[in-house]
Amino acid sequence: MKNFESVERKLVESGKADAIRQIADSADGQRLAEKLDAKKVEQAAKSGDAEALRGILLEVLSTGEGKRLAEQLQKAMKE
């Protein structure tokens, strides 16, 4: 959990947290959030099940919304 807190702190300090929030709040982000099983994601994250998280990520990236969001995130992280 400390790793997530550290990453969050770095994103806030760099100003990238707002860009990520905007991407998540976008129409694509909202559509994708509706498709995800939040409990499944939370359970995999809490248990550290990397294989389950990988599967969820691959499922997300196989959608048009997921691909667009990944591109937007990649661009935001480079800026």
PDB file of N, CA and C in Angstrom:
ATOM      1  N   MET A   1       0.816  -1.181   0.000  1.00  0.00           N
ATOM      2  CA  MET A   1       0.000   0.000   0.000  1.00  0.00           C
ATOM      3  C   MET A   1       0.868   1.256   0.000  1.00  0.00           C
ATOM      4  N   LYS A   2       2.033   1.163   0.629  1.00  0.00           N
ATOM      5  CA  LYS A   2       2.928   2.316   0.670  1.00  0.00           C
ATOM      6  C   LYS A   2       3.402   2.690  -0.727  1.00  0.00           C
ATOM      7  N   ASN A   3       3.572   1.684  -1.604  1.00  0.00           N
ATOM      8  CA  ASN A   3       3.989   1.975  -2.967  1.00  0.00           C
ATOM      9  C   ASN A   3       2.942   2.821  -3.682  1.00  0.00           C
ATOM     10  N   PHE A   4       1.657   2.501  -3.491  1.00  0.00           N
ATOM     11  CA  PHE A   4       0.592   3.276  -4.102  1.00  0.00           C
ATOM     12  C   PHE A   4       0.581   4.699  -3.557  1.00  0.00           C
ATOM     13  N   GLU A   5       0.792   4.834  -2.261  1.00  0.00           N
ATOM     14  CA  GLU A   5       0.814   6.166  -1.647  1.00  0.00           C
ATOM     15  C   GLU A   5       1.991   6.974  -2.180  1.00  0.00           C
ATOM     16  N   SER A   6       3.114   6.343  -2.371  1.00  0.00           N
ATOM     17  CA  SER A   6       4.289   7.009  -2.906  1.00  0.00           C
ATOM     18  C   SER A   6       4.052   7.469  -4.342  1.00  0.00           C
ATOM     19  N   VAL A   7       3.454   6.599  -5.135  1.00  0.00           N
ATOM     20  CA  VAL A   7       3.148   6.945  -6.525  1.00  0.00           C
ATOM     21  C   VAL A   7       2.154   8.095  -6.560  1.00  0.00           C
ATOM     22  N   GLU A   8       1.137   8.006  -5.713  1.00  0.00           N
ATOM     23  CA  GLU A   8       0.131   9.081  -5.667  1.00  0.00           C
ATOM     24  C   GLU A   8       0.787  10.416  -5.299  1.00  0.00           C
ATOM     25  N   ARG A   9       1.639  10.407  -4.301  1.00  0.00           N
ATOM     26  CA  ARG A   9       2.313  11.628  -3.863  1.00  0.00           C
ATOM     27  C   ARG A   9       3.145  12.218  -5.002  1.00  0.00           C
ATOM     28  N   LYS A  10       3.859  11.373  -5.723  1.00  0.00           N
ATOM     29  CA  LYS A  10       4.684  11.846  -6.843  1.00  0.00           C
ATOM     30  C   LYS A  10       3.829  12.425  -7.965  1.00  0.00           C
ATOM     31  N   LEU A  11       2.691  11.790  -8.236  1.00  0.00           N
ATOM     32  CA  LEU A  11       1.797  12.298  -9.279  1.00  0.00           C
ATOM     33  C   LEU A  11       1.215  13.654  -8.897  1.00  0.00           C
ATOM     34  N   VAL A  12       0.851  13.806  -7.633  1.00  0.00           N
ATOM     35  CA  VAL A  12       0.318  15.084  -7.171  1.00  0.00           C
ATOM     36  C   VAL A  12       1.390  16.154  -7.243  1.00  0.00           C
ATOM     37  N   GLU A  13       2.583  15.837  -6.764  1.00  0.00           N
ATOM     38  CA  GLU A  13       3.675  16.807  -6.767  1.00  0.00           C
ATOM     39  C   GLU A  13       4.065  17.244  -8.175  1.00  0.00           C
ATOM     40  N   SER A  14       3.966  16.344  -9.138  1.00  0.00           N
ATOM     41  CA  SER A  14       4.351  16.660 -10.510  1.00  0.00           C
ATOM     42  C   SER A  14       3.225  17.358 -11.274  1.00  0.00           C
ATOM     43  N   GLY A  15       2.028  17.388 -10.693  1.00  0.00           N
ATOM     44  CA  GLY A  15       0.893  17.999 -11.367  1.00  0.00           C
ATOM     45  C   GLY A  15       0.192  17.057 -12.332  1.00  0.00           C
ATOM     46  N   LYS A  16       0.628  15.821 -12.402  1.00  0.00           N
ATOM     47  CA  LYS A  16       0.039  14.866 -13.345  1.00  0.00           C
ATOM     48  C   LYS A  16      -1.236  14.221 -12.815  1.00  0.00           C
ATOM     49  N   ALA A  17      -1.481  14.328 -11.528  1.00  0.00           N
ATOM     50  CA  ALA A  17      -2.685  13.726 -10.952  1.00  0.00           C
ATOM     51  C   ALA A  17      -3.940  14.352 -11.553  1.00  0.00           C
ATOM     52  N   ASP A  18      -3.918  15.657 -11.781  1.00  0.00           N
ATOM     53  CA  ASP A  18      -5.084  16.320 -12.368  1.00  0.00           C
ATOM     54  C   ASP A  18      -5.332  15.836 -13.787  1.00  0.00           C
ATOM     55  N   ALA A  19      -4.276  15.651 -14.566  1.00  0.00           N
ATOM     56  CA  ALA A  19      -4.419  15.159 -15.939  1.00  0.00           C
ATOM     57  C   ALA A  19      -5.016  13.753 -15.933  1.00  0.00           C
ATOM     58  N   ILE A  20      -4.576  12.920 -15.014  1.00  0.00           N
ATOM     59  CA  ILE A  20      -5.088  11.556 -14.919  1.00  0.00           C
ATOM     60  C   ILE A  20      -6.560  11.576 -14.504  1.00  0.00           C
ATOM     61  N   ARG A  21      -6.904  12.451 -13.582  1.00  0.00           N
ATOM     62  CA  ARG A  21      -8.289  12.577 -13.135  1.00  0.00           C
ATOM     63  C   ARG A  21      -9.192  13.007 -14.298  1.00  0.00           C
ATOM     64  N   GLN A  22      -8.710  13.946 -15.124  1.00  0.00           N
ATOM     65  CA  GLN A  22      -9.484  14.394 -16.279  1.00  0.00           C
ATOM     66  C   GLN A  22      -9.699  13.258 -17.274  1.00  0.00           C
ATOM     67  N   ILE A  23      -8.671  12.464 -17.479  1.00  0.00           N
ATOM     68  CA  ILE A  23      -8.783  11.314 -18.388  1.00  0.00           C
ATOM     69  C   ILE A  23      -9.805  10.320 -17.832  1.00  0.00           C
ATOM     70  N   ALA A  24      -9.731  10.047 -16.541  1.00  0.00           N
ATOM     71  CA  ALA A  24     -10.661   9.101 -15.919  1.00  0.00           C
ATOM     72  C   ALA A  24     -12.096   9.619 -15.974  1.00  0.00           C
ATOM     73  N   ASP A  25     -12.261  10.926 -15.889  1.00  0.00           N
ATOM     74  CA  ASP A  25     -13.596  11.523 -15.908  1.00  0.00           C
ATOM     75  C   ASP A  25     -14.145  11.732 -17.321  1.00  0.00           C
ATOM     76  N   SER A  26     -13.342  11.442 -18.317  1.00  0.00           N
ATOM     77  CA  SER A  26     -13.776  11.625 -19.703  1.00  0.00           C
ATOM     78  C   SER A  26     -14.885  10.633 -20.045  1.00  0.00           C
ATOM     79  N   ALA A  27     -15.523  10.857 -21.193  1.00  0.00           N
ATOM     80  CA  ALA A  27     -16.597   9.953 -21.629  1.00  0.00           C
ATOM     81  C   ALA A  27     -16.076   8.519 -21.763  1.00  0.00           C
ATOM     82  N   ASP A  28     -14.881   8.359 -22.363  1.00  0.00           N
ATOM     83  CA  ASP A  28     -14.292   7.017 -22.490  1.00  0.00           C
ATOM     84  C   ASP A  28     -14.036   6.412 -21.118  1.00  0.00           C
ATOM     85  N   GLY A  29     -13.526   7.218 -20.207  1.00  0.00           N
ATOM     86  CA  GLY A  29     -13.241   6.737 -18.857  1.00  0.00           C
ATOM     87  C   GLY A  29     -14.499   6.280 -18.141  1.00  0.00           C
ATOM     88  N   GLN A  30     -15.567   7.041 -18.302  1.00  0.00           N
ATOM     89  CA  GLN A  30     -16.834   6.680 -17.658  1.00  0.00           C
ATOM     90  C   GLN A  30     -17.421   5.400 -18.250  1.00  0.00           C
ATOM     91  N   ARG A  31     -17.362   5.275 -19.576  1.00  0.00           N
ATOM     92  CA  ARG A  31     -17.877   4.050 -20.217  1.00  0.00           C
ATOM     93  C   ARG A  31     -17.084   2.827 -19.762  1.00  0.00           C
ATOM     94  N   LEU A  32     -15.781   2.988 -19.674  1.00  0.00           N
ATOM     95  CA  LEU A  32     -14.938   1.873 -19.260  1.00  0.00           C
ATOM     96  C   LEU A  32     -15.204   1.509 -17.800  1.00  0.00           C
ATOM     97  N   ALA A  33     -15.372   2.511 -16.956  1.00  0.00           N
ATOM     98  CA  ALA A  33     -15.652   2.262 -15.537  1.00  0.00           C
ATOM     99  C   ALA A  33     -16.946   1.476 -15.367  1.00  0.00           C
ATOM    100  N   GLU A  34     -17.936   1.750 -16.217  1.00  0.00           N
ATOM    101  CA  GLU A  34     -19.200   1.026 -16.145  1.00  0.00           C
ATOM    102  C   GLU A  34     -19.039  -0.447 -16.503  1.00  0.00           C
ATOM    103  N   LYS A  35     -18.057  -0.741 -17.347  1.00  0.00           N
ATOM    104  CA  LYS A  35     -17.834  -2.121 -17.786  1.00  0.00           C
ATOM    105  C   LYS A  35     -17.028  -2.943 -16.779  1.00  0.00           C
ATOM    106  N   LEU A  36     -16.259  -2.266 -15.930  1.00  0.00           N
ATOM    107  CA  LEU A  36     -15.388  -2.974 -14.988  1.00  0.00           C
ATOM    108  C   LEU A  36     -16.160  -3.487 -13.781  1.00  0.00           C
ATOM    109  N   ASP A  37     -15.746  -4.612 -13.284  1.00  0.00           N
ATOM    110  CA  ASP A  37     -16.280  -5.158 -12.046  1.00  0.00           C
ATOM    111  C   ASP A  37     -15.375  -4.649 -10.921  1.00  0.00           C
ATOM    112  N   ALA A  38     -15.809  -3.583 -10.250  1.00  0.00           N
ATOM    113  CA  ALA A  38     -14.984  -2.921  -9.234  1.00  0.00           C
ATOM    114  C   ALA A  38     -14.563  -3.871  -8.120  1.00  0.00           C
ATOM    115  N   LYS A  39     -15.457  -4.761  -7.717  1.00  0.00           N
ATOM    116  CA  LYS A  39     -15.117  -5.703  -6.638  1.00  0.00           C
ATOM    117  C   LYS A  39     -14.016  -6.651  -7.080  1.00  0.00           C
ATOM    118  N   LYS A  40     -14.068  -7.074  -8.326  1.00  0.00           N
ATOM    119  CA  LYS A  40     -13.050  -7.978  -8.868  1.00  0.00           C
ATOM    120  C   LYS A  40     -11.685  -7.281  -8.893  1.00  0.00           C
ATOM    121  N   VAL A  41     -11.678  -6.021  -9.315  1.00  0.00           N
ATOM    122  CA  VAL A  41     -10.428  -5.253  -9.366  1.00  0.00           C
ATOM    123  C   VAL A  41      -9.888  -5.045  -7.957  1.00  0.00           C
ATOM    124  N   GLU A  42     -10.762  -4.641  -7.044  1.00  0.00           N
ATOM    125  CA  GLU A  42     -10.344  -4.393  -5.662  1.00  0.00           C
ATOM    126  C   GLU A  42      -9.787  -5.648  -5.016  1.00  0.00           C
ATOM    127  N   GLN A  43     -10.467  -6.764  -5.212  1.00  0.00           N
ATOM    128  CA  GLN A  43     -10.016  -8.029  -4.616  1.00  0.00           C
ATOM    129  C   GLN A  43      -8.645  -8.425  -5.161  1.00  0.00           C
ATOM    130  N   ALA A  44      -8.462  -8.288  -6.470  1.00  0.00           N
ATOM    131  CA  ALA A  44      -7.172  -8.647  -7.069  1.00  0.00           C
ATOM    132  C   ALA A  44      -6.066  -7.733  -6.558  1.00  0.00           C
ATOM    133  N   ALA A  45      -6.370  -6.451  -6.436  1.00  0.00           N
ATOM    134  CA  ALA A  45      -5.363  -5.501  -5.962  1.00  0.00           C
ATOM    135  C   ALA A  45      -5.003  -5.764  -4.499  1.00  0.00           C
ATOM    136  N   LYS A  46      -6.015  -5.961  -3.666  1.00  0.00           N
ATOM    137  CA  LYS A  46      -5.765  -6.196  -2.239  1.00  0.00           C
ATOM    138  C   LYS A  46      -4.979  -7.477  -1.994  1.00  0.00           C
ATOM    139  N   SER A  47      -5.259  -8.494  -2.793  1.00  0.00           N
ATOM    140  CA  SER A  47      -4.584  -9.775  -2.585  1.00  0.00           C
ATOM    141  C   SER A  47      -3.234  -9.839  -3.295  1.00  0.00           C
ATOM    142  N   GLY A  48      -2.967  -8.832  -4.125  1.00  0.00           N
ATOM    143  CA  GLY A  48      -1.707  -8.834  -4.854  1.00  0.00           C
ATOM    144  C   GLY A  48      -1.680  -9.859  -5.975  1.00  0.00           C
ATOM    145  N   ASP A  49      -2.846 -10.200  -6.492  1.00  0.00           N
ATOM    146  CA  ASP A  49      -2.956 -11.202  -7.552  1.00  0.00           C
ATOM    147  C   ASP A  49      -2.586 -10.568  -8.894  1.00  0.00           C
ATOM    148  N   ALA A  50      -1.319 -10.612  -9.206  1.00  0.00           N
ATOM    149  CA  ALA A  50      -0.800  -9.969 -10.412  1.00  0.00           C
ATOM    150  C   ALA A  50      -1.395 -10.575 -11.679  1.00  0.00           C
ATOM    151  N   GLU A  51      -1.649 -11.863 -11.665  1.00  0.00           N
ATOM    152  CA  GLU A  51      -2.211 -12.521 -12.858  1.00  0.00           C
ATOM    153  C   GLU A  51      -3.638 -12.047 -13.116  1.00  0.00           C
ATOM    154  N   ALA A  52      -4.419 -11.906 -12.058  1.00  0.00           N
ATOM    155  CA  ALA A  52      -5.786 -11.408 -12.219  1.00  0.00           C
ATOM    156  C   ALA A  52      -5.773  -9.958 -12.694  1.00  0.00           C
ATOM    157  N   LEU A  53      -4.881  -9.144 -12.121  1.00  0.00           N
ATOM    158  CA  LEU A  53      -4.775  -7.747 -12.551  1.00  0.00           C
ATOM    159  C   LEU A  53      -4.326  -7.650 -14.005  1.00  0.00           C
ATOM    160  N   ARG A  54      -3.428  -8.524 -14.390  1.00  0.00           N
ATOM    161  CA  ARG A  54      -2.957  -8.558 -15.785  1.00  0.00           C
ATOM    162  C   ARG A  54      -4.118  -8.887 -16.718  1.00  0.00           C
ATOM    163  N   GLY A  55      -4.926  -9.847 -16.329  1.00  0.00           N
ATOM    164  CA  GLY A  55      -6.086 -10.230 -17.130  1.00  0.00           C
ATOM    165  C   GLY A  55      -7.082  -9.090 -17.277  1.00  0.00           C
ATOM    166  N   ILE A  56      -7.318  -8.377 -16.180  1.00  0.00           N
ATOM    167  CA  ILE A  56      -8.224  -7.236 -16.211  1.00  0.00           C
ATOM    168  C   ILE A  56      -7.670  -6.151 -17.131  1.00  0.00           C
ATOM    169  N   LEU A  57      -6.377  -5.898 -17.019  1.00  0.00           N
ATOM    170  CA  LEU A  57      -5.744  -4.881 -17.863  1.00  0.00           C
ATOM    171  C   LEU A  57      -5.824  -5.255 -19.333  1.00  0.00           C
ATOM    172  N   LEU A  58      -5.559  -6.506 -19.658  1.00  0.00           N
ATOM    173  CA  LEU A  58      -5.656  -6.953 -21.050  1.00  0.00           C
ATOM    174  C   LEU A  58      -7.083  -6.818 -21.577  1.00  0.00           C
ATOM    175  N   GLU A  59      -8.045  -7.129 -20.721  1.00  0.00           N
ATOM    176  CA  GLU A  59      -9.451  -6.990 -21.102  1.00  0.00           C
ATOM    177  C   GLU A  59      -9.777  -5.523 -21.393  1.00  0.00           C
ATOM    178  N   VAL A  60      -9.294  -4.621 -20.537  1.00  0.00           N
ATOM    179  CA  VAL A  60      -9.522  -3.190 -20.717  1.00  0.00           C
ATOM    180  C   VAL A  60      -8.865  -2.696 -22.001  1.00  0.00           C
ATOM    181  N   LEU A  61      -7.627  -3.104 -22.215  1.00  0.00           N
ATOM    182  CA  LEU A  61      -6.887  -2.625 -23.382  1.00  0.00           C
ATOM    183  C   LEU A  61      -7.396  -3.204 -24.695  1.00  0.00           C
ATOM    184  N   SER A  62      -8.249  -4.201 -24.617  1.00  0.00           N
ATOM    185  CA  SER A  62      -8.801  -4.778 -25.841  1.00  0.00           C
ATOM    186  C   SER A  62     -10.011  -3.988 -26.347  1.00  0.00           C
ATOM    187  N   THR A  63     -10.459  -3.013 -25.558  1.00  0.00           N
ATOM    188  CA  THR A  63     -11.602  -2.193 -25.969  1.00  0.00           C
ATOM    189  C   THR A  63     -11.108  -0.905 -26.616  1.00  0.00           C
ATOM    190  N   GLY A  64     -11.953  -0.309 -27.417  1.00  0.00           N
ATOM    191  CA  GLY A  64     -11.618   0.975 -28.031  1.00  0.00           C
ATOM    192  C   GLY A  64     -11.373   2.045 -26.984  1.00  0.00           C
ATOM    193  N   GLU A  65     -12.231   2.075 -25.967  1.00  0.00           N
ATOM    194  CA  GLU A  65     -12.081   3.063 -24.897  1.00  0.00           C
ATOM    195  C   GLU A  65     -10.750   2.873 -24.179  1.00  0.00           C
ATOM    196  N   GLY A  66     -10.440   1.613 -23.890  1.00  0.00           N
ATOM    197  CA  GLY A  66      -9.201   1.306 -23.179  1.00  0.00           C
ATOM    198  C   GLY A  66      -7.973   1.718 -23.956  1.00  0.00           C
ATOM    199  N   LYS A  67      -7.991   1.469 -25.245  1.00  0.00           N
ATOM    200  CA  LYS A  67      -6.857   1.864 -26.090  1.00  0.00           C
ATOM    201  C   LYS A  67      -6.688   3.372 -26.102  1.00  0.00           C
ATOM    202  N   ARG A  68      -7.815   4.098 -26.255  1.00  0.00           N
ATOM    203  CA  ARG A  68      -7.735   5.565 -26.275  1.00  0.00           C
ATOM    204  C   ARG A  68      -7.251   6.109 -24.928  1.00  0.00           C
ATOM    205  N   LEU A  69      -7.756   5.547 -23.844  1.00  0.00           N
ATOM    206  CA  LEU A  69      -7.332   6.000 -22.521  1.00  0.00           C
ATOM    207  C   LEU A  69      -5.852   5.718 -22.281  1.00  0.00           C
ATOM    208  N   ALA A  70      -5.382   4.562 -22.707  1.00  0.00           N
ATOM    209  CA  ALA A  70      -3.968   4.219 -22.547  1.00  0.00           C
ATOM    210  C   ALA A  70      -3.090   5.206 -23.311  1.00  0.00           C
ATOM    211  N   GLU A  71      -3.505   5.569 -24.513  1.00  0.00           N
ATOM    212  CA  GLU A  71      -2.747   6.554 -25.298  1.00  0.00           C
ATOM    213  C   GLU A  71      -2.737   7.909 -24.609  1.00  0.00           C
ATOM    214  N   GLN A  72      -3.891   8.310 -24.075  1.00  0.00           N
ATOM    215  CA  GLN A  72      -3.974   9.600 -23.380  1.00  0.00           C
ATOM    216  C   GLN A  72      -3.116   9.597 -22.116  1.00  0.00           C
ATOM    217  N   LEU A  73      -3.122   8.492 -21.385  1.00  0.00           N
ATOM    218  CA  LEU A  73      -2.291   8.386 -20.175  1.00  0.00           C
ATOM    219  C   LEU A  73      -0.811   8.422 -20.516  1.00  0.00           C
ATOM    220  N   GLN A  74      -0.451   7.721 -21.571  1.00  0.00           N
ATOM    221  CA  GLN A  74       0.953   7.706 -21.994  1.00  0.00           C
ATOM    222  C   GLN A  74       1.399   9.130 -22.330  1.00  0.00           C
ATOM    223  N   LYS A  75       0.587   9.843 -23.063  1.00  0.00           N
ATOM    224  CA  LYS A  75       0.913  11.228 -23.433  1.00  0.00           C
ATOM    225  C   LYS A  75       0.998  12.124 -22.189  1.00  0.00           C
ATOM    226  N   ALA A  76       0.055  11.972 -21.280  1.00  0.00           N
ATOM    227  CA  ALA A  76       0.038  12.799 -20.061  1.00  0.00           C
ATOM    228  C   ALA A  76       1.279  12.549 -19.199  1.00  0.00           C
ATOM    229  N   MET A  77       1.751  11.312 -19.163  1.00  0.00           N
ATOM    230  CA  MET A  77       2.904  10.993 -18.328  1.00  0.00           C
ATOM    231  C   MET A  77       4.208  11.528 -18.941  1.00  0.00           C
ATOM    232  N   LYS A  78       4.220  11.731 -20.247  1.00  0.00           N
ATOM    233  CA  LYS A  78       5.422  12.255 -20.906  1.00  0.00           C
ATOM    234  C   LYS A  78       5.548  13.754 -20.747  1.00  0.00           C
ATOM    235  N   GLU A  79       4.421  14.431 -20.578  1.00  0.00           N
ATOM    236  CA  GLU A  79       4.439  15.907 -20.506  1.00  0.00           C
ATOM    237  C   GLU A  79       5.057  16.402 -19.234  1.00  0.00           C
TER     238      GLU A  79
END
